[in-house]
């Protein structure tokens, strides 16, 4: 009798652990989807680019033009993204090219 009771308890505990792991996995997937959706809503903005670079662990350098208030995000040896004073995307170029102002 004790063996049967112990076996049933073990099965129930295994089921509880399985369901708990499944809930945690679903929660993690949901949080990731929310982060990606928020990032997509900010697509084309300076804030969205910063979030993307941070999420993907991409190193970047940010510079601000004091006269115009325009921002530039540069990923070394890859690309430079330009944003206007309100943070909206303006253009992109290879990082070595300087814009004639």
PDB file of N, CA and C in Angstrom:
ATOM      1  N   UNK A   1       0.828  -1.196   0.000  1.00  0.00           N
ATOM      2  CA  UNK A   1       0.000   0.000   0.000  1.00  0.00           C
ATOM      3  C   UNK A   1       0.866   1.250   0.000  1.00  0.00           C
ATOM      4  N   UNK A   2       1.900   1.267   0.822  1.00  0.00           N
ATOM      5  CA  UNK A   2       2.748   2.439   0.893  1.00  0.00           C
ATOM      6  C   UNK A   2       3.463   2.695  -0.427  1.00  0.00           C
ATOM      7  N   UNK A   3       3.856   1.601  -1.121  1.00  0.00           N
ATOM      8  CA  UNK A   3       4.531   1.751  -2.399  1.00  0.00           C
ATOM      9  C   UNK A   3       3.623   2.439  -3.415  1.00  0.00           C
ATOM     10  N   UNK A   4       2.374   2.029  -3.470  1.00  0.00           N
ATOM     11  CA  UNK A   4       1.421   2.623  -4.411  1.00  0.00           C
ATOM     12  C   UNK A   4       1.193   4.098  -4.090  1.00  0.00           C
ATOM     13  N   UNK A   5       1.032   4.410  -2.819  1.00  0.00           N
ATOM     14  CA  UNK A   5       0.810   5.792  -2.401  1.00  0.00           C
ATOM     15  C   UNK A   5       2.018   6.646  -2.751  1.00  0.00           C
ATOM     16  N   UNK A   6       3.201   6.131  -2.480  1.00  0.00           N
ATOM     17  CA  UNK A   6       4.430   6.870  -2.787  1.00  0.00           C
ATOM     18  C   UNK A   6       4.557   7.095  -4.296  1.00  0.00           C
ATOM     19  N   UNK A   7       4.223   6.083  -5.074  1.00  0.00           N
ATOM     20  CA  UNK A   7       4.318   6.179  -6.531  1.00  0.00           C
ATOM     21  C   UNK A   7       3.354   7.244  -7.070  1.00  0.00           C
ATOM     22  N   UNK A   8       2.128   7.250  -6.553  1.00  0.00           N
ATOM     23  CA  UNK A   8       1.142   8.246  -6.982  1.00  0.00           C
ATOM     24  C   UNK A   8       1.601   9.658  -6.627  1.00  0.00           C
ATOM     25  N   UNK A   9       2.139   9.831  -5.428  1.00  0.00           N
ATOM     26  CA  UNK A   9       2.635  11.147  -5.001  1.00  0.00           C
ATOM     27  C   UNK A   9       3.781  11.620  -5.902  1.00  0.00           C
ATOM     28  N   UNK A  10       4.696  10.703  -6.229  1.00  0.00           N
ATOM     29  CA  UNK A  10       5.807  11.058  -7.112  1.00  0.00           C
ATOM     30  C   UNK A  10       5.301  11.478  -8.485  1.00  0.00           C
ATOM     31  N   UNK A  11       4.316  10.769  -9.009  1.00  0.00           N
ATOM     32  CA  UNK A  11       3.750  11.116 -10.316  1.00  0.00           C
ATOM     33  C   UNK A  11       3.103  12.500 -10.279  1.00  0.00           C
ATOM     34  N   UNK A  12       2.374  12.784  -9.214  1.00  0.00           N
ATOM     35  CA  UNK A  12       1.724  14.088  -9.095  1.00  0.00           C
ATOM     36  C   UNK A  12       2.753  15.205  -8.980  1.00  0.00           C
ATOM     37  N   UNK A  13       3.818  14.979  -8.188  1.00  0.00           N
ATOM     38  CA  UNK A  13       4.873  15.985  -8.056  1.00  0.00           C
ATOM     39  C   UNK A  13       5.585  16.214  -9.384  1.00  0.00           C
ATOM     40  N   UNK A  14       5.840  15.134 -10.114  1.00  0.00           N
ATOM     41  CA  UNK A  14       6.457  15.277 -11.436  1.00  0.00           C
ATOM     42  C   UNK A  14       5.558  16.103 -12.354  1.00  0.00           C
ATOM     43  N   UNK A  15       4.269  15.862 -12.287  1.00  0.00           N
ATOM     44  CA  UNK A  15       3.315  16.626 -13.107  1.00  0.00           C
ATOM     45  C   UNK A  15       3.309  18.097 -12.735  1.00  0.00           C
ATOM     46  N   UNK A  16       3.371  18.382 -11.431  1.00  0.00           N
ATOM     47  CA  UNK A  16       3.403  19.781 -10.984  1.00  0.00           C
ATOM     48  C   UNK A  16       4.668  20.478 -11.457  1.00  0.00           C
ATOM     49  N   UNK A  17       5.803  19.807 -11.355  1.00  0.00           N
ATOM     50  CA  UNK A  17       7.062  20.400 -11.795  1.00  0.00           C
ATOM     51  C   UNK A  17       7.039  20.657 -13.296  1.00  0.00           C
ATOM     52  N   UNK A  18       6.492  19.714 -14.057  1.00  0.00           N
ATOM     53  CA  UNK A  18       6.408  19.867 -15.508  1.00  0.00           C
ATOM     54  C   UNK A  18       5.541  21.075 -15.861  1.00  0.00           C
ATOM     55  N   UNK A  19       4.395  21.204 -15.221  1.00  0.00           N
ATOM     56  CA  UNK A  19       3.493  22.335 -15.503  1.00  0.00           C
ATOM     57  C   UNK A  19       4.134  23.663 -15.109  1.00  0.00           C
ATOM     58  N   UNK A  20       4.860  23.664 -13.987  1.00  0.00           N
ATOM     59  CA  UNK A  20       5.524  24.892 -13.547  1.00  0.00           C
ATOM     60  C   UNK A  20       6.599  25.299 -14.553  1.00  0.00           C
ATOM     61  N   UNK A  21       7.388  24.351 -15.041  1.00  0.00           N
ATOM     62  CA  UNK A  21       8.405  24.659 -16.043  1.00  0.00           C
ATOM     63  C   UNK A  21       7.762  25.173 -17.330  1.00  0.00           C
ATOM     64  N   UNK A  22       6.661  24.577 -17.722  1.00  0.00           N
ATOM     65  CA  UNK A  22       5.965  25.015 -18.930  1.00  0.00           C
ATOM     66  C   UNK A  22       5.449  26.445 -18.770  1.00  0.00           C
ATOM     67  N   UNK A  23       4.901  26.776 -17.601  1.00  0.00           N
ATOM     68  CA  UNK A  23       4.420  28.141 -17.346  1.00  0.00           C
ATOM     69  C   UNK A  23       5.562  29.145 -17.396  1.00  0.00           C
ATOM     70  N   UNK A  24       6.702  28.788 -16.782  1.00  0.00           N
ATOM     71  CA  UNK A  24       7.854  29.688 -16.789  1.00  0.00           C
ATOM     72  C   UNK A  24       8.367  29.918 -18.207  1.00  0.00           C
ATOM     73  N   UNK A  25       8.379  28.863 -19.004  1.00  0.00           N
ATOM     74  CA  UNK A  25       8.824  28.985 -20.390  1.00  0.00           C
ATOM     75  C   UNK A  25       7.859  29.870 -21.183  1.00  0.00           C
ATOM     76  N   UNK A  26       6.569  29.679 -21.014  1.00  0.00           N
ATOM     77  CA  UNK A  26       5.579  30.510 -21.703  1.00  0.00           C
ATOM     78  C   UNK A  26       5.704  31.962 -21.283  1.00  0.00           C
ATOM     79  N   UNK A  27       5.930  32.211 -20.005  1.00  0.00           N
ATOM     80  CA  UNK A  27       6.087  33.572 -19.491  1.00  0.00           C
ATOM     81  C   UNK A  27       7.311  34.238 -20.140  1.00  0.00           C
ATOM     82  N   UNK A  28       8.411  33.507 -20.226  1.00  0.00           N
ATOM     83  CA  UNK A  28       9.633  34.048 -20.834  1.00  0.00           C
ATOM     84  C   UNK A  28       9.413  34.363 -22.318  1.00  0.00           C
ATOM     85  N   UNK A  29       8.725  33.465 -23.020  1.00  0.00           N
ATOM     86  CA  UNK A  29       8.429  33.698 -24.441  1.00  0.00           C
ATOM     87  C   UNK A  29       7.516  34.907 -24.622  1.00  0.00           C
ATOM     88  N   UNK A  30       6.531  35.056 -23.750  1.00  0.00           N
ATOM     89  CA  UNK A  30       5.611  36.189 -23.817  1.00  0.00           C
ATOM     90  C   UNK A  30       6.355  37.504 -23.583  1.00  0.00           C
ATOM     91  N   UNK A  31       7.250  37.528 -22.579  1.00  0.00           N
ATOM     92  CA  UNK A  31       8.014  38.738 -22.291  1.00  0.00           C
ATOM     93  C   UNK A  31       8.903  39.111 -23.472  1.00  0.00           C
ATOM     94  N   UNK A  32       9.517  38.117 -24.101  1.00  0.00           N
ATOM     95  CA  UNK A  32      10.357  38.381 -25.275  1.00  0.00           C
ATOM     96  C   UNK A  32       9.510  38.960 -26.409  1.00  0.00           C
ATOM     97  N   UNK A  33       8.325  38.407 -26.609  1.00  0.00           N
ATOM     98  CA  UNK A  33       7.435  38.916 -27.665  1.00  0.00           C
ATOM     99  C   UNK A  33       7.017  40.349 -27.376  1.00  0.00           C
ATOM    100  N   UNK A  34       6.727  40.673 -26.121  1.00  0.00           N
ATOM    101  CA  UNK A  34       6.363  42.043 -25.761  1.00  0.00           C
ATOM    102  C   UNK A  34       7.507  43.012 -26.034  1.00  0.00           C
ATOM    103  N   UNK A  35       8.745  42.600 -25.679  1.00  0.00           N
ATOM    104  CA  UNK A  35       9.911  43.460 -25.935  1.00  0.00           C
ATOM    105  C   UNK A  35      10.093  43.701 -27.426  1.00  0.00           C
ATOM    106  N   UNK A  36       9.954  42.629 -28.226  1.00  0.00           N
ATOM    107  CA  UNK A  36      10.100  42.786 -29.675  1.00  0.00           C
ATOM    108  C   UNK A  36       9.000  43.663 -30.250  1.00  0.00           C
ATOM    109  N   UNK A  37       7.777  43.517 -29.768  1.00  0.00           N
ATOM    110  CA  UNK A  37       6.669  44.345 -30.255  1.00  0.00           C
ATOM    111  C   UNK A  37       6.903  45.812 -29.912  1.00  0.00           C
ATOM    112  N   UNK A  38       7.385  46.072 -28.715  1.00  0.00           N
ATOM    113  CA  UNK A  38       7.673  47.452 -28.316  1.00  0.00           C
ATOM    114  C   UNK A  38       8.776  48.028 -29.185  1.00  0.00           C
ATOM    115  N   UNK A  39       9.773  47.219 -29.478  1.00  0.00           N
ATOM    116  CA  UNK A  39      10.865  47.684 -30.320  1.00  0.00           C
ATOM    117  C   UNK A  39      10.363  47.968 -31.741  1.00  0.00           C
ATOM    118  N   UNK A  40       9.478  47.130 -32.246  1.00  0.00           N
ATOM    119  CA  UNK A  40       8.945  47.351 -33.592  1.00  0.00           C
ATOM    120  C   UNK A  40       8.098  48.621 -33.656  1.00  0.00           C
ATOM    121  N   UNK A  41       7.401  48.951 -32.577  1.00  0.00           N
ATOM    122  CA  UNK A  41       6.617  50.187 -32.565  1.00  0.00           C
ATOM    123  C   UNK A  41       7.524  51.405 -32.646  1.00  0.00           C
ATOM    124  N   UNK A  42       8.745  51.246 -32.139  1.00  0.00           N
ATOM    125  CA  UNK A  42       9.694  52.353 -32.148  1.00  0.00           C
ATOM    126  C   UNK A  42      10.654  52.270 -33.332  1.00  0.00           C
ATOM    127  N   UNK A  43      10.310  51.434 -34.305  1.00  0.00           N
ATOM    128  CA  UNK A  43      11.159  51.285 -35.481  1.00  0.00           C
ATOM    129  C   UNK A  43      11.267  52.629 -36.208  1.00  0.00           C
ATOM    130  N   UNK A  44      12.471  52.963 -36.639  1.00  0.00           N
ATOM    131  CA  UNK A  44      12.682  54.226 -37.333  1.00  0.00           C
ATOM    132  C   UNK A  44      12.933  55.387 -36.389  1.00  0.00           C
ATOM    133  N   UNK A  45      13.150  55.085 -35.114  1.00  0.00           N
ATOM    134  CA  UNK A  45      13.425  56.146 -34.145  1.00  0.00           C
ATOM    135  C   UNK A  45      14.769  55.893 -33.480  1.00  0.00           C
ATOM    136  N   UNK A  46      15.335  56.937 -32.948  1.00  0.00           N
ATOM    137  CA  UNK A  46      16.602  56.846 -32.236  1.00  0.00           C
ATOM    138  C   UNK A  46      16.483  55.905 -31.038  1.00  0.00           C
ATOM    139  N   UNK A  47      15.399  56.035 -30.311  1.00  0.00           N
ATOM    140  CA  UNK A  47      15.179  55.185 -29.136  1.00  0.00           C
ATOM    141  C   UNK A  47      15.081  53.707 -29.523  1.00  0.00           C
ATOM    142  N   UNK A  48      14.387  53.435 -30.624  1.00  0.00           N
ATOM    143  CA  UNK A  48      14.260  52.060 -31.104  1.00  0.00           C
ATOM    144  C   UNK A  48      15.595  51.468 -31.512  1.00  0.00           C
ATOM    145  N   UNK A  49      16.441  52.277 -32.161  1.00  0.00           N
ATOM    146  CA  UNK A  49      17.763  51.797 -32.566  1.00  0.00           C
ATOM    147  C   UNK A  49      18.619  51.488 -31.346  1.00  0.00           C
ATOM    148  N   UNK A  50      18.566  52.363 -30.354  1.00  0.00           N
ATOM    149  CA  UNK A  50      19.331  52.116 -29.120  1.00  0.00           C
ATOM    150  C   UNK A  50      18.880  50.814 -28.466  1.00  0.00           C
ATOM    151  N   UNK A  51      17.563  50.599 -28.367  1.00  0.00           N
ATOM    152  CA  UNK A  51      17.033  49.373 -27.760  1.00  0.00           C
ATOM    153  C   UNK A  51      17.486  48.142 -28.530  1.00  0.00           C
ATOM    154  N   UNK A  52      17.453  48.237 -29.868  1.00  0.00           N
ATOM    155  CA  UNK A  52      17.850  47.108 -30.698  1.00  0.00           C
ATOM    156  C   UNK A  52      19.311  46.762 -30.462  1.00  0.00           C
ATOM    157  N   UNK A  53      20.177  47.774 -30.488  1.00  0.00           N
ATOM    158  CA  UNK A  53      21.602  47.544 -30.271  1.00  0.00           C
ATOM    159  C   UNK A  53      21.857  46.948 -28.891  1.00  0.00           C
ATOM    160  N   UNK A  54      21.150  47.431 -27.890  1.00  0.00           N
ATOM    161  CA  UNK A  54      21.330  46.902 -26.537  1.00  0.00           C
ATOM    162  C   UNK A  54      20.818  45.463 -26.435  1.00  0.00           C
ATOM    163  N   UNK A  55      19.680  45.179 -27.066  1.00  0.00           N
ATOM    164  CA  UNK A  55      19.112  43.828 -27.037  1.00  0.00           C
ATOM    165  C   UNK A  55      20.049  42.831 -27.709  1.00  0.00           C
ATOM    166  N   UNK A  56      20.643  43.234 -28.810  1.00  0.00           N
ATOM    167  CA  UNK A  56      21.540  42.350 -29.559  1.00  0.00           C
ATOM    168  C   UNK A  56      22.992  42.451 -29.093  1.00  0.00           C
ATOM    169  N   UNK A  57      23.261  43.277 -28.090  1.00  0.00           N
ATOM    170  CA  UNK A  57      24.617  43.483 -27.553  1.00  0.00           C
ATOM    171  C   UNK A  57      25.595  43.945 -28.629  1.00  0.00           C
ATOM    172  N   UNK A  58      25.133  44.881 -29.457  1.00  0.00           N
ATOM    173  CA  UNK A  58      25.965  45.447 -30.517  1.00  0.00           C
ATOM    174  C   UNK A  58      26.585  46.738 -29.987  1.00  0.00           C
ATOM    175  N   UNK A  59      27.908  46.837 -29.987  1.00  0.00           N
ATOM    176  CA  UNK A  59      28.547  48.072 -29.512  1.00  0.00           C
ATOM    177  C   UNK A  59      28.329  49.204 -30.515  1.00  0.00           C
ATOM    178  N   UNK A  60      28.016  50.396 -30.015  1.00  0.00           N
ATOM    179  CA  UNK A  60      27.815  51.548 -30.896  1.00  0.00           C
ATOM    180  C   UNK A  60      28.305  52.802 -30.193  1.00  0.00           C
ATOM    181  N   UNK A  61      28.523  53.829 -31.010  1.00  0.00           N
ATOM    182  CA  UNK A  61      28.947  55.131 -30.491  1.00  0.00           C
ATOM    183  C   UNK A  61      27.900  56.154 -30.914  1.00  0.00           C
ATOM    184  N   UNK A  62      27.497  57.003 -29.986  1.00  0.00           N
ATOM    185  CA  UNK A  62      26.506  58.032 -30.297  1.00  0.00           C
ATOM    186  C   UNK A  62      27.155  59.409 -30.246  1.00  0.00           C
ATOM    187  N   UNK A  63      26.855  60.218 -31.253  1.00  0.00           N
ATOM    188  CA  UNK A  63      27.349  61.592 -31.269  1.00  0.00           C
ATOM    189  C   UNK A  63      26.191  62.532 -31.580  1.00  0.00           C
ATOM    190  N   UNK A  64      26.299  63.755 -31.064  1.00  0.00           N
ATOM    191  CA  UNK A  64      25.249  64.758 -31.251  1.00  0.00           C
ATOM    192  C   UNK A  64      25.874  66.017 -31.834  1.00  0.00           C
ATOM    193  N   UNK A  65      25.237  66.540 -32.879  1.00  0.00           N
ATOM    194  CA  UNK A  65      25.674  67.809 -33.462  1.00  0.00           C
ATOM    195  C   UNK A  65      25.078  68.926 -32.611  1.00  0.00           C
ATOM    196  N   UNK A  66      25.935  69.720 -31.981  1.00  0.00           N
ATOM    197  CA  UNK A  66      25.474  70.765 -31.058  1.00  0.00           C
ATOM    198  C   UNK A  66      24.646  71.837 -31.761  1.00  0.00           C
ATOM    199  N   UNK A  67      24.936  72.130 -33.031  1.00  0.00           N
ATOM    200  CA  UNK A  67      24.203  73.187 -33.748  1.00  0.00           C
ATOM    201  C   UNK A  67      22.798  72.756 -34.156  1.00  0.00           C
ATOM    202  N   UNK A  68      22.691  71.563 -34.724  1.00  0.00           N
ATOM    203  CA  UNK A  68      21.394  71.123 -35.246  1.00  0.00           C
ATOM    204  C   UNK A  68      20.633  70.212 -34.284  1.00  0.00           C
ATOM    205  N   UNK A  69      21.329  69.581 -33.358  1.00  0.00           N
ATOM    206  CA  UNK A  69      20.681  68.638 -32.445  1.00  0.00           C
ATOM    207  C   UNK A  69      20.497  67.266 -33.060  1.00  0.00           C
ATOM    208  N   UNK A  70      21.090  67.044 -34.237  1.00  0.00           N
ATOM    209  CA  UNK A  70      20.985  65.745 -34.903  1.00  0.00           C
ATOM    210  C   UNK A  70      21.888  64.727 -34.216  1.00  0.00           C
ATOM    211  N   UNK A  71      21.431  63.482 -34.181  1.00  0.00           N
ATOM    212  CA  UNK A  71      22.172  62.391 -33.551  1.00  0.00           C
ATOM    213  C   UNK A  71      22.697  61.452 -34.618  1.00  0.00           C
ATOM    214  N   UNK A  72      23.826  60.828 -34.327  1.00  0.00           N
ATOM    215  CA  UNK A  72      24.362  59.777 -35.179  1.00  0.00           C
ATOM    216  C   UNK A  72      24.765  58.599 -34.311  1.00  0.00           C
ATOM    217  N   UNK A  73      24.313  57.420 -34.709  1.00  0.00           N
ATOM    218  CA  UNK A  73      24.728  56.177 -34.054  1.00  0.00           C
ATOM    219  C   UNK A  73      25.662  55.461 -35.017  1.00  0.00           C
ATOM    220  N   UNK A  74      26.850  55.129 -34.556  1.00  0.00           N
ATOM    221  CA  UNK A  74      27.829  54.467 -35.404  1.00  0.00           C
ATOM    222  C   UNK A  74      28.176  53.108 -34.838  1.00  0.00           C
ATOM    223  N   UNK A  75      27.998  52.084 -35.660  1.00  0.00           N
ATOM    224  CA  UNK A  75      28.461  50.747 -35.336  1.00  0.00           C
ATOM    225  C   UNK A  75      29.823  50.642 -36.018  1.00  0.00           C
ATOM    226  N   UNK A  76      30.902  50.517 -35.240  1.00  0.00           N
ATOM    227  CA  UNK A  76      32.244  50.539 -35.813  1.00  0.00           C
ATOM    228  C   UNK A  76      32.428  49.582 -36.988  1.00  0.00           C
ATOM    229  N   UNK A  77      33.035  50.100 -38.064  1.00  0.00           N
ATOM    230  CA  UNK A  77      33.350  49.351 -39.280  1.00  0.00           C
ATOM    231  C   UNK A  77      32.122  48.782 -39.984  1.00  0.00           C
ATOM    232  N   UNK A  78      30.899  49.300 -39.671  1.00  0.00           N
ATOM    233  CA  UNK A  78      29.718  48.749 -40.332  1.00  0.00           C
ATOM    234  C   UNK A  78      28.804  49.828 -40.899  1.00  0.00           C
ATOM    235  N   UNK A  79      28.214  50.675 -40.044  1.00  0.00           N
ATOM    236  CA  UNK A  79      27.204  51.620 -40.522  1.00  0.00           C
ATOM    237  C   UNK A  79      27.076  52.803 -39.571  1.00  0.00           C
ATOM    238  N   UNK A  80      26.667  53.930 -40.126  1.00  0.00           N
ATOM    239  CA  UNK A  80      26.325  55.107 -39.333  1.00  0.00           C
ATOM    240  C   UNK A  80      24.881  55.462 -39.644  1.00  0.00           C
ATOM    241  N   UNK A  81      24.063  55.589 -38.606  1.00  0.00           N
ATOM    242  CA  UNK A  81      22.650  55.948 -38.751  1.00  0.00           C
ATOM    243  C   UNK A  81      22.468  57.386 -38.280  1.00  0.00           C
ATOM    244  N   UNK A  82      21.781  58.203 -39.085  1.00  0.00           N
ATOM    245  CA  UNK A  82      21.551  59.605 -38.739  1.00  0.00           C
ATOM    246  C   UNK A  82      20.090  59.824 -38.367  1.00  0.00           C
ATOM    247  N   UNK A  83      19.870  60.631 -37.324  1.00  0.00           N
ATOM    248  CA  UNK A  83      18.530  60.936 -36.833  1.00  0.00           C
ATOM    249  C   UNK A  83      18.400  62.444 -36.668  1.00  0.00           C
ATOM    250  N   UNK A  84      17.199  62.973 -36.914  1.00  0.00           N
ATOM    251  CA  UNK A  84      16.989  64.422 -36.743  1.00  0.00           C
ATOM    252  C   UNK A  84      16.852  64.764 -35.263  1.00  0.00           C
ATOM    253  N   UNK A  85      16.617  66.033 -34.971  1.00  0.00           N
ATOM    254  CA  UNK A  85      16.548  66.499 -33.581  1.00  0.00           C
ATOM    255  C   UNK A  85      15.396  65.854 -32.806  1.00  0.00           C
ATOM    256  N   UNK A  86      14.323  65.429 -33.508  1.00  0.00           N
ATOM    257  CA  UNK A  86      13.184  64.767 -32.835  1.00  0.00           C
ATOM    258  C   UNK A  86      13.399  63.272 -32.669  1.00  0.00           C
ATOM    259  N   UNK A  87      14.509  62.730 -33.208  1.00  0.00           N
ATOM    260  CA  UNK A  87      14.802  61.312 -33.049  1.00  0.00           C
ATOM    261  C   UNK A  87      14.267  60.439 -34.157  1.00  0.00           C
ATOM    262  N   UNK A  88      13.855  61.020 -35.289  1.00  0.00           N
ATOM    263  CA  UNK A  88      13.365  60.239 -36.429  1.00  0.00           C
ATOM    264  C   UNK A  88      14.520  59.929 -37.377  1.00  0.00           C
ATOM    265  N   UNK A  89      14.485  58.739 -37.964  1.00  0.00           N
ATOM    266  CA  UNK A  89      15.539  58.302 -38.876  1.00  0.00           C
ATOM    267  C   UNK A  89      15.597  59.197 -40.103  1.00  0.00           C
ATOM    268  N   UNK A  90      16.831  59.577 -40.499  1.00  0.00           N
ATOM    269  CA  UNK A  90      17.031  60.428 -41.671  1.00  0.00           C
ATOM    270  C   UNK A  90      17.770  59.662 -42.767  1.00  0.00           C
ATOM    271  N   UNK A  91      18.934  59.071 -42.431  1.00  0.00           N
ATOM    272  CA  UNK A  91      19.723  58.373 -43.446  1.00  0.00           C
ATOM    273  C   UNK A  91      20.723  57.430 -42.798  1.00  0.00           C
ATOM    274  N   UNK A  92      21.339  56.620 -43.655  1.00  0.00           N
ATOM    275  CA  UNK A  92      22.413  55.739 -43.202  1.00  0.00           C
ATOM    276  C   UNK A  92      23.528  55.796 -44.233  1.00  0.00           C
ATOM    277  N   UNK A  93      24.729  55.438 -43.795  1.00  0.00           N
ATOM    278  CA  UNK A  93      25.887  55.452 -44.690  1.00  0.00           C
ATOM    279  C   UNK A  93      26.983  54.592 -44.069  1.00  0.00           C
ATOM    280  N   UNK A  94      27.973  54.232 -44.870  1.00  0.00           N
ATOM    281  CA  UNK A  94      29.134  53.551 -44.279  1.00  0.00           C
ATOM    282  C   UNK A  94      29.797  54.487 -43.285  1.00  0.00           C
ATOM    283  N   UNK A  95      30.411  53.974 -42.230  1.00  0.00           N
ATOM    284  CA  UNK A  95      30.944  54.835 -41.171  1.00  0.00           C
ATOM    285  C   UNK A  95      32.097  55.730 -41.593  1.00  0.00           C
ATOM    286  N   UNK A  96      32.803  55.397 -42.676  1.00  0.00           N
ATOM    287  CA  UNK A  96      33.953  56.203 -43.089  1.00  0.00           C
ATOM    288  C   UNK A  96      33.584  57.466 -43.839  1.00  0.00           C
ATOM    289  N   UNK A  97      32.381  57.537 -44.388  1.00  0.00           N
ATOM    290  CA  UNK A  97      31.983  58.696 -45.169  1.00  0.00           C
ATOM    291  C   UNK A  97      31.561  59.842 -44.269  1.00  0.00           C
ATOM    292  N   UNK A  98      32.044  61.018 -44.566  1.00  0.00           N
ATOM    293  CA  UNK A  98      31.626  62.209 -43.836  1.00  0.00           C
ATOM    294  C   UNK A  98      30.582  62.946 -44.648  1.00  0.00           C
ATOM    295  N   UNK A  99      29.582  63.444 -43.995  1.00  0.00           N
ATOM    296  CA  UNK A  99      28.513  64.173 -44.678  1.00  0.00           C
ATOM    297  C   UNK A  99      28.954  65.612 -44.836  1.00  0.00           C
ATOM    298  N   UNK A 100      28.842  66.124 -46.064  1.00  0.00           N
ATOM    299  CA  UNK A 100      29.180  67.526 -46.286  1.00  0.00           C
ATOM    300  C   UNK A 100      28.105  68.435 -45.758  1.00  0.00           C
ATOM    301  N   UNK A 101      28.442  69.294 -44.804  1.00  0.00           N
ATOM    302  CA  UNK A 101      27.433  70.170 -44.208  1.00  0.00           C
ATOM    303  C   UNK A 101      27.698  71.597 -44.550  1.00  0.00           C
TER     304      UNK A 101
END
